[in-house]
N, C-alpha and C. Protein backbone atom coordinates (compact mmCIF):
# COMPACT_ATOMS: atom_id res chain seq x y z
N UNK A 1 110.32 114.88 129.13
CA UNK A 1 109.08 114.96 128.37
C UNK A 1 108.85 113.67 127.58
N UNK A 2 109.30 112.58 128.10
CA UNK A 2 109.22 111.30 127.43
C UNK A 2 107.79 110.88 127.10
N UNK A 3 106.83 111.23 127.96
CA UNK A 3 105.46 110.81 127.76
C UNK A 3 104.56 111.96 127.28
N UNK A 4 105.14 113.03 126.85
CA UNK A 4 104.39 114.19 126.40
C UNK A 4 103.73 113.89 125.05
N UNK A 5 102.44 114.22 124.94
CA UNK A 5 101.72 114.06 123.68
C UNK A 5 101.76 115.37 122.91
N UNK A 6 101.99 115.28 121.62
CA UNK A 6 101.99 116.45 120.75
C UNK A 6 100.59 116.78 120.25
N UNK A 7 99.73 115.77 120.20
CA UNK A 7 98.37 115.94 119.69
C UNK A 7 97.41 115.13 120.55
N UNK A 8 96.16 115.51 120.50
CA UNK A 8 95.10 114.75 121.17
C UNK A 8 94.65 113.61 120.25
N UNK A 9 94.38 112.44 120.82
CA UNK A 9 93.91 111.28 120.06
C UNK A 9 92.49 110.97 120.52
N UNK A 10 91.56 110.88 119.56
CA UNK A 10 90.17 110.60 119.89
C UNK A 10 89.67 109.38 119.12
N UNK A 11 88.72 108.69 119.71
CA UNK A 11 88.09 107.53 119.09
C UNK A 11 86.87 107.99 118.32
N UNK A 12 86.75 107.55 117.08
CA UNK A 12 85.58 107.85 116.26
C UNK A 12 84.83 106.56 116.00
N UNK A 13 83.54 106.54 116.32
CA UNK A 13 82.73 105.35 116.04
C UNK A 13 81.97 105.50 114.72
N UNK A 14 82.29 106.53 113.97
CA UNK A 14 81.68 106.74 112.65
C UNK A 14 82.18 105.65 111.71
N UNK A 15 81.24 105.00 111.01
CA UNK A 15 81.60 103.89 110.13
C UNK A 15 82.18 104.44 108.83
N UNK A 16 83.52 104.38 108.73
CA UNK A 16 84.22 104.84 107.53
C UNK A 16 85.06 103.69 107.01
N UNK A 17 85.20 103.62 105.74
CA UNK A 17 86.09 102.64 105.11
C UNK A 17 85.74 101.21 105.51
N UNK A 18 84.50 100.94 105.87
CA UNK A 18 84.03 99.62 106.29
C UNK A 18 84.65 99.17 107.61
N UNK A 19 85.03 100.10 108.46
CA UNK A 19 85.51 99.80 109.80
C UNK A 19 84.56 100.43 110.79
N UNK A 20 84.31 99.74 111.90
CA UNK A 20 83.38 100.24 112.91
C UNK A 20 83.95 101.42 113.69
N UNK A 21 85.27 101.56 113.70
CA UNK A 21 85.89 102.63 114.47
C UNK A 21 87.21 103.02 113.84
N UNK A 22 87.71 104.17 114.26
CA UNK A 22 89.04 104.64 113.85
C UNK A 22 89.53 105.60 114.93
N UNK A 23 90.80 105.89 114.88
CA UNK A 23 91.38 106.90 115.76
C UNK A 23 91.72 108.11 114.91
N UNK A 24 91.60 109.28 115.52
CA UNK A 24 91.95 110.52 114.82
C UNK A 24 92.85 111.34 115.73
N UNK A 25 93.88 111.91 115.14
CA UNK A 25 94.75 112.82 115.87
C UNK A 25 94.30 114.25 115.57
N UNK A 26 94.16 115.05 116.61
CA UNK A 26 93.70 116.42 116.47
C UNK A 26 94.79 117.39 116.90
N UNK A 27 94.92 118.51 116.18
CA UNK A 27 95.90 119.52 116.57
C UNK A 27 95.35 120.37 117.72
N UNK A 28 96.09 121.41 118.11
CA UNK A 28 95.69 122.25 119.26
C UNK A 28 94.34 122.92 119.07
N UNK A 29 93.98 123.23 117.81
CA UNK A 29 92.69 123.87 117.53
C UNK A 29 91.56 122.86 117.36
N UNK A 30 91.85 121.57 117.43
CA UNK A 30 90.83 120.54 117.28
C UNK A 30 90.64 120.06 115.85
N UNK A 31 91.48 120.53 114.93
CA UNK A 31 91.37 120.10 113.53
C UNK A 31 92.05 118.73 113.36
N UNK A 32 91.44 117.90 112.51
CA UNK A 32 91.96 116.56 112.27
C UNK A 32 93.28 116.62 111.52
N UNK A 33 94.24 115.85 111.99
CA UNK A 33 95.55 115.76 111.34
C UNK A 33 95.55 114.59 110.37
N UNK A 34 96.08 114.78 109.21
CA UNK A 34 96.28 113.73 108.21
C UNK A 34 95.06 112.83 108.06
N UNK A 35 95.28 111.52 108.07
CA UNK A 35 94.19 110.59 107.78
C UNK A 35 93.72 109.87 109.05
N UNK A 36 92.56 109.20 108.94
CA UNK A 36 92.06 108.39 110.04
C UNK A 36 92.98 107.19 110.23
N UNK A 37 93.16 106.79 111.47
CA UNK A 37 93.97 105.62 111.79
C UNK A 37 93.02 104.45 112.00
N UNK A 38 93.08 103.49 111.08
CA UNK A 38 92.15 102.37 111.09
C UNK A 38 92.83 101.10 111.60
N UNK A 39 92.05 100.11 112.05
CA UNK A 39 92.66 98.84 112.48
C UNK A 39 93.45 98.22 111.33
N UNK A 40 94.60 97.66 111.64
CA UNK A 40 95.49 97.08 110.62
C UNK A 40 95.34 95.57 110.64
N UNK A 41 94.86 94.99 109.55
CA UNK A 41 94.62 93.55 109.48
C UNK A 41 95.62 92.84 108.56
N UNK A 42 96.64 93.52 108.13
CA UNK A 42 97.59 92.94 107.21
C UNK A 42 98.92 92.70 107.90
N UNK A 43 99.90 92.30 107.17
CA UNK A 43 101.21 91.98 107.73
C UNK A 43 102.03 93.23 108.01
N UNK A 44 102.93 93.11 108.96
CA UNK A 44 103.94 94.12 109.22
C UNK A 44 105.28 93.45 108.96
N UNK A 45 106.12 94.07 108.15
CA UNK A 45 107.38 93.45 107.76
C UNK A 45 108.55 94.11 108.48
N UNK A 46 109.47 93.27 108.94
CA UNK A 46 110.69 93.72 109.59
C UNK A 46 111.86 92.91 109.05
N UNK A 47 113.04 93.50 109.13
CA UNK A 47 114.28 92.81 108.79
C UNK A 47 115.10 92.69 110.05
N UNK A 48 115.59 91.48 110.34
CA UNK A 48 116.45 91.28 111.51
C UNK A 48 117.84 91.78 111.17
N UNK A 49 118.40 92.63 112.04
CA UNK A 49 119.74 93.16 111.80
C UNK A 49 120.78 92.47 112.68
N UNK A 50 120.35 91.89 113.79
CA UNK A 50 121.25 91.14 114.67
C UNK A 50 120.47 89.97 115.25
N UNK A 51 121.09 88.81 115.30
CA UNK A 51 120.50 87.63 115.91
C UNK A 51 121.47 87.06 116.93
N UNK A 52 120.95 86.60 118.06
CA UNK A 52 121.80 85.93 119.04
C UNK A 52 121.01 84.82 119.71
N UNK A 53 121.72 83.74 120.04
CA UNK A 53 121.12 82.61 120.74
C UNK A 53 121.77 82.54 122.11
N UNK A 54 120.96 82.36 123.15
CA UNK A 54 121.48 82.26 124.51
C UNK A 54 120.92 81.02 125.18
N UNK A 55 121.78 80.39 125.94
CA UNK A 55 121.39 79.23 126.77
C UNK A 55 121.93 79.54 128.16
N UNK A 56 121.08 80.10 129.01
CA UNK A 56 121.50 80.55 130.34
C UNK A 56 121.15 79.52 131.39
N UNK A 57 122.06 79.30 132.31
CA UNK A 57 121.83 78.44 133.46
C UNK A 57 122.05 79.24 134.72
N UNK A 58 121.17 79.06 135.70
CA UNK A 58 121.37 79.63 137.02
C UNK A 58 121.75 78.47 137.93
N UNK A 59 122.93 78.57 138.53
CA UNK A 59 123.43 77.50 139.38
C UNK A 59 123.60 78.03 140.79
N UNK A 60 123.04 77.29 141.76
CA UNK A 60 123.13 77.67 143.17
C UNK A 60 123.56 76.45 143.97
N UNK A 61 123.94 76.66 145.20
CA UNK A 61 124.27 75.56 146.09
C UNK A 61 122.99 74.91 146.59
N UNK A 62 123.04 73.60 146.86
CA UNK A 62 121.88 72.94 147.44
C UNK A 62 121.67 73.46 148.87
N UNK A 63 120.61 73.01 149.50
CA UNK A 63 120.26 73.55 150.83
C UNK A 63 121.33 73.32 151.87
N UNK A 64 122.18 72.31 151.69
CA UNK A 64 123.27 72.04 152.63
C UNK A 64 124.55 72.75 152.21
N UNK A 65 124.54 73.36 151.04
CA UNK A 65 125.71 74.08 150.54
C UNK A 65 126.82 73.17 150.08
N UNK A 66 126.49 71.93 149.75
CA UNK A 66 127.54 70.96 149.40
C UNK A 66 127.73 70.78 147.91
N UNK A 67 126.68 70.86 147.13
CA UNK A 67 126.86 70.65 145.70
C UNK A 67 126.01 71.64 144.91
N UNK A 68 126.52 72.03 143.77
CA UNK A 68 125.74 72.98 142.95
C UNK A 68 124.59 72.27 142.25
N UNK A 69 123.48 72.98 142.11
CA UNK A 69 122.34 72.46 141.36
C UNK A 69 121.85 73.55 140.40
N UNK A 70 121.32 73.11 139.28
CA UNK A 70 120.75 74.03 138.30
C UNK A 70 119.35 74.39 138.77
N UNK A 71 119.11 75.66 139.02
CA UNK A 71 117.79 76.08 139.48
C UNK A 71 116.94 76.68 138.38
N UNK A 72 117.59 77.06 137.30
CA UNK A 72 116.82 77.63 136.19
C UNK A 72 117.62 77.52 134.91
N UNK A 73 116.94 77.11 133.85
CA UNK A 73 117.56 77.09 132.53
C UNK A 73 116.65 77.89 131.60
N UNK A 74 117.26 78.73 130.82
CA UNK A 74 116.48 79.58 129.92
C UNK A 74 117.19 79.64 128.58
N UNK A 75 116.50 79.21 127.53
CA UNK A 75 117.03 79.29 126.16
C UNK A 75 116.19 80.29 125.39
N UNK A 76 116.84 81.12 124.60
CA UNK A 76 116.08 82.08 123.81
C UNK A 76 116.91 82.61 122.65
N UNK A 77 116.19 83.10 121.66
CA UNK A 77 116.78 83.78 120.51
C UNK A 77 116.34 85.23 120.60
N UNK A 78 117.29 86.13 120.46
CA UNK A 78 116.96 87.55 120.45
C UNK A 78 117.32 88.14 119.09
N UNK A 79 116.51 89.10 118.66
CA UNK A 79 116.76 89.77 117.38
C UNK A 79 116.52 91.26 117.53
N UNK A 80 117.37 92.05 116.90
CA UNK A 80 117.11 93.47 116.72
C UNK A 80 116.48 93.60 115.35
N UNK A 81 115.42 94.40 115.26
CA UNK A 81 114.66 94.51 114.02
C UNK A 81 114.61 95.95 113.54
N UNK A 82 114.42 96.09 112.23
CA UNK A 82 114.13 97.41 111.65
C UNK A 82 112.95 97.25 110.71
N UNK A 83 112.12 98.29 110.59
CA UNK A 83 110.98 98.20 109.67
C UNK A 83 111.46 97.94 108.24
N UNK A 84 110.72 97.14 107.52
CA UNK A 84 111.08 96.82 106.14
C UNK A 84 109.81 96.75 105.31
N UNK A 85 109.97 96.86 104.02
CA UNK A 85 108.86 96.72 103.09
C UNK A 85 108.97 95.36 102.43
N UNK A 86 107.84 94.74 102.09
CA UNK A 86 107.88 93.39 101.54
C UNK A 86 108.40 93.32 100.11
N UNK A 87 108.53 94.43 99.45
CA UNK A 87 109.04 94.42 98.08
C UNK A 87 108.02 94.99 97.11
N UNK A 88 108.30 94.84 95.86
CA UNK A 88 107.41 95.37 94.84
C UNK A 88 107.88 96.75 94.40
N UNK A 89 107.47 97.13 93.23
CA UNK A 89 107.93 98.38 92.62
C UNK A 89 107.59 99.62 93.44
N UNK A 90 106.36 99.72 93.95
CA UNK A 90 105.96 100.93 94.66
C UNK A 90 106.65 101.07 96.00
N UNK A 91 107.18 99.99 96.56
CA UNK A 91 107.84 100.07 97.86
C UNK A 91 109.17 100.82 97.81
N UNK A 92 109.72 101.01 96.61
CA UNK A 92 110.96 101.80 96.50
C UNK A 92 110.74 103.22 96.97
N UNK A 93 109.51 103.72 96.87
CA UNK A 93 109.22 105.11 97.20
C UNK A 93 108.60 105.26 98.58
N UNK A 94 108.42 104.16 99.28
CA UNK A 94 107.69 104.19 100.55
C UNK A 94 108.55 103.55 101.64
N UNK A 95 108.95 104.32 102.62
CA UNK A 95 109.70 103.80 103.76
C UNK A 95 108.77 103.69 104.95
N UNK A 96 108.62 102.49 105.47
CA UNK A 96 107.75 102.27 106.62
C UNK A 96 108.36 102.92 107.85
N UNK A 97 107.53 103.64 108.61
CA UNK A 97 107.98 104.26 109.86
C UNK A 97 106.87 104.08 110.89
N UNK A 98 107.26 104.02 112.15
CA UNK A 98 106.31 103.84 113.24
C UNK A 98 106.48 104.96 114.25
N UNK A 99 105.37 105.42 114.82
CA UNK A 99 105.42 106.41 115.89
C UNK A 99 104.27 106.13 116.84
N UNK A 100 104.36 106.68 118.03
CA UNK A 100 103.29 106.51 119.01
C UNK A 100 102.16 107.46 118.66
N UNK A 101 100.92 107.01 118.92
CA UNK A 101 99.77 107.88 118.69
C UNK A 101 99.96 109.18 119.44
N UNK A 102 99.63 110.28 118.78
CA UNK A 102 99.66 111.59 119.43
C UNK A 102 101.03 112.21 119.53
N UNK A 103 102.04 111.63 118.87
CA UNK A 103 103.40 112.20 118.95
C UNK A 103 104.04 112.24 117.57
N UNK A 104 105.11 113.00 117.48
CA UNK A 104 105.93 113.03 116.27
C UNK A 104 107.21 112.21 116.47
N UNK A 105 107.32 111.52 117.59
CA UNK A 105 108.54 110.76 117.88
C UNK A 105 108.50 109.40 117.18
N UNK A 106 109.48 109.14 116.34
CA UNK A 106 109.56 107.89 115.60
C UNK A 106 110.14 106.80 116.49
N UNK A 107 109.55 105.62 116.42
CA UNK A 107 110.09 104.46 117.13
C UNK A 107 111.20 103.87 116.27
N UNK A 108 112.39 103.79 116.83
CA UNK A 108 113.52 103.33 116.03
C UNK A 108 114.06 101.98 116.47
N UNK A 109 113.78 101.57 117.69
CA UNK A 109 114.33 100.30 118.19
C UNK A 109 113.22 99.28 118.38
N UNK A 110 113.34 98.15 117.69
CA UNK A 110 112.40 97.05 117.82
C UNK A 110 113.19 95.81 118.20
N UNK A 111 112.60 94.97 119.03
CA UNK A 111 113.27 93.74 119.42
C UNK A 111 112.29 92.59 119.45
N UNK A 112 112.84 91.40 119.37
CA UNK A 112 112.06 90.18 119.39
C UNK A 112 112.80 89.17 120.25
N UNK A 113 112.08 88.52 121.15
CA UNK A 113 112.66 87.47 121.98
C UNK A 113 111.80 86.22 121.81
N UNK A 114 112.41 85.12 121.40
CA UNK A 114 111.70 83.86 121.15
C UNK A 114 112.18 82.84 122.17
N UNK A 115 111.22 82.26 122.91
CA UNK A 115 111.53 81.24 123.91
C UNK A 115 110.70 80.00 123.61
N UNK A 116 111.25 78.82 123.87
CA UNK A 116 110.45 77.60 123.66
C UNK A 116 109.36 77.48 124.72
N UNK A 117 108.23 76.91 124.32
CA UNK A 117 107.17 76.64 125.27
C UNK A 117 107.55 75.40 126.08
N UNK A 118 107.30 75.45 127.36
CA UNK A 118 107.60 74.29 128.21
C UNK A 118 106.33 73.60 128.68
N UNK A 119 105.23 74.27 128.62
CA UNK A 119 103.95 73.74 129.09
C UNK A 119 103.21 73.11 127.91
N UNK A 120 102.90 71.81 127.99
CA UNK A 120 102.20 71.12 126.90
C UNK A 120 100.83 71.74 126.62
N UNK A 121 100.12 72.18 127.65
CA UNK A 121 98.81 72.78 127.47
C UNK A 121 98.94 74.07 126.66
N UNK A 122 99.94 74.88 127.00
CA UNK A 122 100.16 76.12 126.25
C UNK A 122 100.55 75.80 124.81
N UNK A 123 101.34 74.78 124.60
CA UNK A 123 101.75 74.39 123.25
C UNK A 123 100.52 74.00 122.42
N UNK A 124 99.59 73.24 123.03
CA UNK A 124 98.36 72.85 122.33
C UNK A 124 97.51 74.07 121.99
N UNK A 125 97.39 75.01 122.91
CA UNK A 125 96.62 76.24 122.66
C UNK A 125 97.23 77.04 121.53
N UNK A 126 98.54 77.13 121.50
CA UNK A 126 99.22 77.90 120.48
C UNK A 126 98.99 77.31 119.09
N UNK A 127 99.06 76.00 118.98
CA UNK A 127 98.89 75.37 117.67
C UNK A 127 97.43 75.38 117.22
N UNK A 128 96.50 75.58 118.16
CA UNK A 128 95.08 75.57 117.81
C UNK A 128 94.63 76.87 117.15
N UNK A 129 95.43 77.91 117.22
CA UNK A 129 95.01 79.22 116.69
C UNK A 129 95.34 79.33 115.26
């Protein structure tokens, strides 16, 4: 039942809270659950619990099978993350949690993989944003 939804999720185009749209979760009878889910324009904070750096090389024989050649090099940093609060007095009482729309299942595993850009055009596009 990995993909089973506990509730129905509907799109509302009613202008509330100065947003053009929101999502609403409805129970089996069609009643709205909790609050409207609005677009999030602020930061999301995480704490890295594990960091690792990898420099992987794929080595194969050349076409004649006489000498090894590097066919692929991949460098990356991986991190395991957990939700965190940015601080402040009121954050002591508030634990950030994430779940998929329409479910009661909490997302507990977050990861991040950082790789260097190799394409100069992509690098220029990234810095332009």
